[in-house]
Amino acid sequence: MPNSKLLEDAMFADLIPDPLHPAVVHLPMALAVLLPLFAVGALVAIRRGVSPRAPWALVVGLTALLAASALVAKETGEDQEDRVEKVVPKAALHEHEEAADRFLVVVIAVLAVSTLGLRRDRLGQASRVVATIGTLGVLAAGWAVGEAGGELVYQHGAASAYATPAPNVVSEED
C-alpha cells in the first residue's frame, strides 16, 4: 500500500512548524538563563557535603543539551536564511548570525570545562568554579543572540518573509 506512506508523511508534516527556527530557539535561550542557577546550586550542594558527581553531572548534562539545542537552532536559522534575507537588512542578519556563532563557541567551551568538573580532585574543583563563572558568559552570549533575533523580527520584519496576506475582515456593519 504505497499511498499509506504519503498519508503518513502528510500527517507528520503538520506537526513540524514552518518556519522551524523560531520554534526551536526557545530551548537554548531558556537553558542559557537556567544554567547559571543550576551551576550555582550544584556548587552550593557540593559545598554542603554532597558528592560532586550527581549535582555536577546535572550541570554537564544541561550544558550538553544546551550545546545540542544551540546547534539545532543555528542550523535551522541557516536553513531559513535565504528566505529571510529578502526582507531584512543583511547587516542585521549578519549580526544575528555572528552572535549565534559566538554563543555556540562559548557554550562548547563551558561544556569542555564543566566536563572536567566531574573529576574529584583539585582540577575538578577548579573546573566547577570556572565553568560556573563561564555560565554567566553563556547567559550574556545568549542574551546577545536573542536581542539580535528580536530586532530581526520586531524592528526589521523578518516574520513577514513567512506571512500570508490577512483574510478580509467583515465588519459587523456589512
C-alpha atoms as a PDB file:
ATOM      1  CA  MET A   1       0.000   0.000   0.000  1.00  0.00           C
ATOM      2  CA  PRO A   2       2.313   2.808  -1.237  1.00  0.00           C
ATOM      3  CA  ASN A   3      -0.201   5.599  -0.599  1.00  0.00           C
ATOM      4  CA  SER A   4      -0.134   4.955   3.168  1.00  0.00           C
ATOM      5  CA  LYS A   5       3.424   6.332   3.309  1.00  0.00           C
ATOM      6  CA  LEU A   6       2.281   9.546   1.605  1.00  0.00           C
ATOM      7  CA  LEU A   7      -0.601   9.860   4.039  1.00  0.00           C
ATOM      8  CA  GLU A   8       1.700   9.224   6.996  1.00  0.00           C
ATOM      9  CA  ASP A   9       4.204  11.830   5.760  1.00  0.00           C
ATOM     10  CA  ALA A  10       1.417  14.364   5.282  1.00  0.00           C
ATOM     11  CA  MET A  11       0.135  13.742   8.830  1.00  0.00           C
ATOM     12  CA  PHE A  12       3.534  14.335  10.399  1.00  0.00           C
ATOM     13  CA  ALA A  13       4.275  17.340   8.182  1.00  0.00           C
ATOM     14  CA  ASP A  14       1.550  19.246  10.028  1.00  0.00           C
ATOM     15  CA  LEU A  15       3.340  18.624  13.328  1.00  0.00           C
ATOM     16  CA  ILE A  16       6.537  20.398  12.247  1.00  0.00           C
ATOM     17  CA  PRO A  17       6.285  24.174  12.438  1.00  0.00           C
ATOM     18  CA  ASP A  18       7.190  26.227   9.408  1.00  0.00           C
ATOM     19  CA  PRO A  19       9.357  28.174   9.923  1.00  0.00           C
ATOM     20  CA  LEU A  20      11.135  25.831  12.331  1.00  0.00           C
ATOM     21  CA  HIS A  21      13.808  28.225  13.631  1.00  0.00           C
ATOM     22  CA  PRO A  22      11.515  30.378  15.816  1.00  0.00           C
ATOM     23  CA  ALA A  23      10.092  27.211  17.359  1.00  0.00           C
ATOM     24  CA  VAL A  24      13.451  25.717  18.378  1.00  0.00           C
ATOM     25  CA  VAL A  25      15.327  28.806  19.603  1.00  0.00           C
ATOM     26  CA  HIS A  26      13.414  28.941  22.867  1.00  0.00           C
ATOM     27  CA  LEU A  27      15.064  25.852  24.365  1.00  0.00           C
ATOM     28  CA  PRO A  28      18.661  27.103  24.154  1.00  0.00           C
ATOM     29  CA  MET A  29      17.597  30.543  25.366  1.00  0.00           C
ATOM     30  CA  ALA A  30      15.775  29.055  28.379  1.00  0.00           C
ATOM     31  CA  LEU A  31      18.730  26.812  29.162  1.00  0.00           C
ATOM     32  CA  ALA A  32      21.121  29.768  28.902  1.00  0.00           C
ATOM     33  CA  VAL A  33      19.090  31.523  31.600  1.00  0.00           C
ATOM     34  CA  LEU A  34      18.708  28.462  33.836  1.00  0.00           C
ATOM     35  CA  LEU A  35      22.228  27.063  33.545  1.00  0.00           C
ATOM     36  CA  PRO A  36      23.905  29.596  35.888  1.00  0.00           C
ATOM     37  CA  LEU A  37      21.253  28.862  38.531  1.00  0.00           C
ATOM     38  CA  PHE A  38      21.831  25.102  38.285  1.00  0.00           C
ATOM     39  CA  ALA A  39      25.605  25.565  38.368  1.00  0.00           C
ATOM     40  CA  VAL A  40      25.452  27.739  41.480  1.00  0.00           C
ATOM     41  CA  GLY A  41      23.007  25.295  43.054  1.00  0.00           C
ATOM     42  CA  ALA A  42      25.369  22.409  42.341  1.00  0.00           C
ATOM     43  CA  LEU A  43      28.290  24.295  43.893  1.00  0.00           C
ATOM     44  CA  VAL A  44      26.228  25.052  46.996  1.00  0.00           C
ATOM     45  CA  ALA A  45      25.177  21.401  47.306  1.00  0.00           C
ATOM     46  CA  ILE A  46      28.781  20.230  46.892  1.00  0.00           C
ATOM     47  CA  ARG A  47      29.981  22.756  49.471  1.00  0.00           C
ATOM     48  CA  ARG A  48      27.382  21.375  51.906  1.00  0.00           C
ATOM     49  CA  GLY A  49      28.861  17.911  51.566  1.00  0.00           C
ATOM     50  CA  VAL A  50      27.006  16.299  48.679  1.00  0.00           C
ATOM     51  CA  SER A  51      29.248  14.171  46.494  1.00  0.00           C
ATOM     52  CA  PRO A  52      30.155  16.252  43.414  1.00  0.00           C
ATOM     53  CA  ARG A  53      29.254  13.556  40.881  1.00  0.00           C
ATOM     54  CA  ALA A  54      25.422  13.807  40.858  1.00  0.00           C
ATOM     55  CA  PRO A  55      24.827  17.564  41.077  1.00  0.00           C
ATOM     56  CA  TRP A  56      27.640  18.360  38.690  1.00  0.00           C
ATOM     57  CA  ALA A  57      26.551  15.656  36.236  1.00  0.00           C
ATOM     58  CA  LEU A  58      23.243  17.533  36.013  1.00  0.00           C
ATOM     59  CA  VAL A  59      25.124  20.722  35.094  1.00  0.00           C
ATOM     60  CA  VAL A  60      27.179  18.875  32.475  1.00  0.00           C
ATOM     61  CA  GLY A  61      24.020  17.267  31.059  1.00  0.00           C
ATOM     62  CA  LEU A  62      22.196  20.600  30.851  1.00  0.00           C
ATOM     63  CA  THR A  63      25.228  22.170  29.195  1.00  0.00           C
ATOM     64  CA  ALA A  64      25.371  19.325  26.656  1.00  0.00           C
ATOM     65  CA  LEU A  65      21.647  19.764  25.981  1.00  0.00           C
ATOM     66  CA  LEU A  66      22.242  23.482  25.559  1.00  0.00           C
ATOM     67  CA  ALA A  67      25.057  22.838  23.072  1.00  0.00           C
ATOM     68  CA  ALA A  68      22.930  20.407  21.061  1.00  0.00           C
ATOM     69  CA  SER A  69      19.881  22.686  21.038  1.00  0.00           C
ATOM     70  CA  ALA A  70      22.021  25.708  20.110  1.00  0.00           C
ATOM     71  CA  LEU A  71      23.441  23.753  17.195  1.00  0.00           C
ATOM     72  CA  VAL A  72      19.930  22.819  16.034  1.00  0.00           C
ATOM     73  CA  ALA A  73      18.850  26.459  16.353  1.00  0.00           C
ATOM     74  CA  LYS A  74      21.857  27.594  14.328  1.00  0.00           C
ATOM     75  CA  GLU A  75      21.234  25.001  11.611  1.00  0.00           C
ATOM     76  CA  THR A  76      17.531  25.845  11.318  1.00  0.00           C
ATOM     77  CA  GLY A  77      18.417  29.535  11.141  1.00  0.00           C
ATOM     78  CA  GLU A  78      20.837  28.867   8.306  1.00  0.00           C
ATOM     79  CA  ASP A  79      18.189  26.777   6.526  1.00  0.00           C
ATOM     80  CA  GLN A  80      15.788  29.720   6.593  1.00  0.00           C
ATOM     81  CA  GLU A  81      18.330  32.444   5.900  1.00  0.00           C
ATOM     82  CA  ASP A  82      17.702  32.700   2.145  1.00  0.00           C
ATOM     83  CA  ARG A  83      14.041  33.475   2.622  1.00  0.00           C
ATOM     84  CA  VAL A  84      14.501  35.964   5.461  1.00  0.00           C
ATOM     85  CA  GLU A  85      17.378  37.867   3.862  1.00  0.00           C
ATOM     86  CA  LYS A  86      14.933  39.047   1.191  1.00  0.00           C
ATOM     87  CA  VAL A  87      13.084  41.168   3.770  1.00  0.00           C
ATOM     88  CA  VAL A  88      15.692  42.229   6.347  1.00  0.00           C
ATOM     89  CA  PRO A  89      18.925  44.220   6.075  1.00  0.00           C
ATOM     90  CA  LYS A  90      21.896  41.939   5.519  1.00  0.00           C
ATOM     91  CA  ALA A  91      23.842  43.702   8.277  1.00  0.00           C
ATOM     92  CA  ALA A  92      21.173  42.888  10.864  1.00  0.00           C
ATOM     93  CA  LEU A  93      21.024  39.260   9.743  1.00  0.00           C
ATOM     94  CA  HIS A  94      24.822  39.043   9.825  1.00  0.00           C
ATOM     95  CA  GLU A  95      24.876  40.458  13.369  1.00  0.00           C
ATOM     96  CA  HIS A  96      22.440  37.743  14.499  1.00  0.00           C
ATOM     97  CA  GLU A  97      24.498  35.025  12.799  1.00  0.00           C
ATOM     98  CA  GLU A  98      27.732  36.256  14.359  1.00  0.00           C
ATOM     99  CA  ALA A  99      26.105  36.379  17.797  1.00  0.00           C
ATOM    100  CA  ALA A 100      24.879  32.804  17.296  1.00  0.00           C
ATOM    101  CA  ASP A 101      28.389  31.684  16.344  1.00  0.00           C
ATOM    102  CA  ARG A 102      29.861  33.323  19.453  1.00  0.00           C
ATOM    103  CA  PHE A 103      27.150  31.775  21.618  1.00  0.00           C
ATOM    104  CA  LEU A 104      27.896  28.300  20.300  1.00  0.00           C
ATOM    105  CA  VAL A 105      31.645  28.730  20.893  1.00  0.00           C
ATOM    106  CA  VAL A 106      31.087  29.920  24.474  1.00  0.00           C
ATOM    107  CA  VAL A 107      28.682  27.054  25.190  1.00  0.00           C
ATOM    108  CA  ILE A 108      31.110  24.447  23.831  1.00  0.00           C
ATOM    109  CA  ALA A 109      33.968  25.944  25.853  1.00  0.00           C
ATOM    110  CA  VAL A 110      31.876  25.851  29.029  1.00  0.00           C
ATOM    111  CA  LEU A 111      30.860  22.271  28.221  1.00  0.00           C
ATOM    112  CA  ALA A 112      34.514  21.259  27.921  1.00  0.00           C
ATOM    113  CA  VAL A 113      35.445  22.915  31.226  1.00  0.00           C
ATOM    114  CA  SER A 114      32.349  21.634  33.014  1.00  0.00           C
ATOM    115  CA  THR A 115      33.137  18.082  31.946  1.00  0.00           C
ATOM    116  CA  LEU A 116      36.439  18.368  33.800  1.00  0.00           C
ATOM    117  CA  GLY A 117      34.355  19.298  36.835  1.00  0.00           C
ATOM    118  CA  LEU A 118      33.281  15.658  37.094  1.00  0.00           C
ATOM    119  CA  ARG A 119      36.737  14.854  38.429  1.00  0.00           C
ATOM    120  CA  ARG A 120      37.027  14.525  42.217  1.00  0.00           C
ATOM    121  CA  ASP A 121      40.425  16.191  42.503  1.00  0.00           C
ATOM    122  CA  ARG A 122      41.559  19.819  42.654  1.00  0.00           C
ATOM    123  CA  LEU A 123      41.312  20.124  38.866  1.00  0.00           C
ATOM    124  CA  GLY A 124      37.657  19.078  39.106  1.00  0.00           C
ATOM    125  CA  GLN A 125      37.023  21.561  41.883  1.00  0.00           C
ATOM    126  CA  ALA A 126      38.648  24.412  39.954  1.00  0.00           C
ATOM    127  CA  SER A 127      36.832  23.409  36.769  1.00  0.00           C
ATOM    128  CA  ARG A 128      33.465  23.576  38.525  1.00  0.00           C
ATOM    129  CA  VAL A 129      34.170  27.130  39.679  1.00  0.00           C
ATOM    130  CA  VAL A 130      35.478  28.231  36.273  1.00  0.00           C
ATOM    131  CA  ALA A 131      32.539  26.594  34.473  1.00  0.00           C
ATOM    132  CA  THR A 132      30.067  28.272  36.828  1.00  0.00           C
ATOM    133  CA  ILE A 133      31.608  31.651  36.034  1.00  0.00           C
ATOM    134  CA  GLY A 134      31.513  30.633  32.364  1.00  0.00           C
ATOM    135  CA  THR A 135      27.759  30.130  32.568  1.00  0.00           C
ATOM    136  CA  LEU A 136      27.466  33.881  33.017  1.00  0.00           C
ATOM    137  CA  GLY A 137      29.277  34.237  29.686  1.00  0.00           C
ATOM    138  CA  VAL A 138      26.768  31.783  28.215  1.00  0.00           C
ATOM    139  CA  LEU A 139      23.936  33.932  29.554  1.00  0.00           C
ATOM    140  CA  ALA A 140      25.472  37.110  28.112  1.00  0.00           C
ATOM    141  CA  ALA A 141      26.133  35.492  24.730  1.00  0.00           C
ATOM    142  CA  GLY A 142      22.611  34.043  24.682  1.00  0.00           C
ATOM    143  CA  TRP A 143      21.181  37.446  25.508  1.00  0.00           C
ATOM    144  CA  ALA A 144      23.053  38.948  22.540  1.00  0.00           C
ATOM    145  CA  VAL A 145      21.685  36.281  20.164  1.00  0.00           C
ATOM    146  CA  GLY A 146      18.153  36.770  21.430  1.00  0.00           C
ATOM    147  CA  GLU A 147      18.387  40.534  21.235  1.00  0.00           C
ATOM    148  CA  ALA A 148      19.666  40.421  17.636  1.00  0.00           C
ATOM    149  CA  GLY A 149      16.975  37.903  16.716  1.00  0.00           C
ATOM    150  CA  GLY A 150      14.296  40.031  18.323  1.00  0.00           C
ATOM    151  CA  GLU A 151      15.476  43.024  16.325  1.00  0.00           C
ATOM    152  CA  LEU A 152      15.210  40.977  13.130  1.00  0.00           C
ATOM    153  CA  VAL A 153      11.610  40.099  13.921  1.00  0.00           C
ATOM    154  CA  TYR A 154      10.274  43.219  15.607  1.00  0.00           C
ATOM    155  CA  GLN A 155      12.292  46.029  14.020  1.00  0.00           C
ATOM    156  CA  HIS A 156      13.116  44.618  10.596  1.00  0.00           C
ATOM    157  CA  GLY A 157      10.032  42.459   9.953  1.00  0.00           C
ATOM    158  CA  ALA A 158      11.732  39.062   9.496  1.00  0.00           C
ATOM    159  CA  ALA A 159       8.440  37.287  10.170  1.00  0.00           C
ATOM    160  CA  SER A 160       6.950  38.939   7.093  1.00  0.00           C
ATOM    161  CA  ALA A 161       9.001  36.502   4.999  1.00  0.00           C
ATOM    162  CA  TYR A 162       6.523  33.847   6.153  1.00  0.00           C
ATOM    163  CA  ALA A 163       3.370  35.939   6.480  1.00  0.00           C
ATOM    164  CA  THR A 164       0.370  35.240   4.340  1.00  0.00           C
ATOM    165  CA  PRO A 165      -2.000  38.004   3.352  1.00  0.00           C
ATOM    166  CA  ALA A 166      -4.556  38.694   6.053  1.00  0.00           C
ATOM    167  CA  PRO A 167      -8.053  37.446   5.278  1.00  0.00           C
ATOM    168  CA  ASN A 168     -10.698  40.020   4.517  1.00  0.00           C
ATOM    169  CA  VAL A 169     -12.336  41.050   7.730  1.00  0.00           C
ATOM    170  CA  VAL A 170     -16.017  41.660   7.504  1.00  0.00           C
ATOM    171  CA  SER A 171     -17.271  44.368   9.796  1.00  0.00           C
ATOM    172  CA  GLU A 172     -20.496  43.967  11.699  1.00  0.00           C
ATOM    173  CA  GLU A 173     -21.992  46.769   9.649  1.00  0.00           C
ATOM    174  CA  ASP A 174     -21.805  44.750   6.401  1.00  0.00           C
END
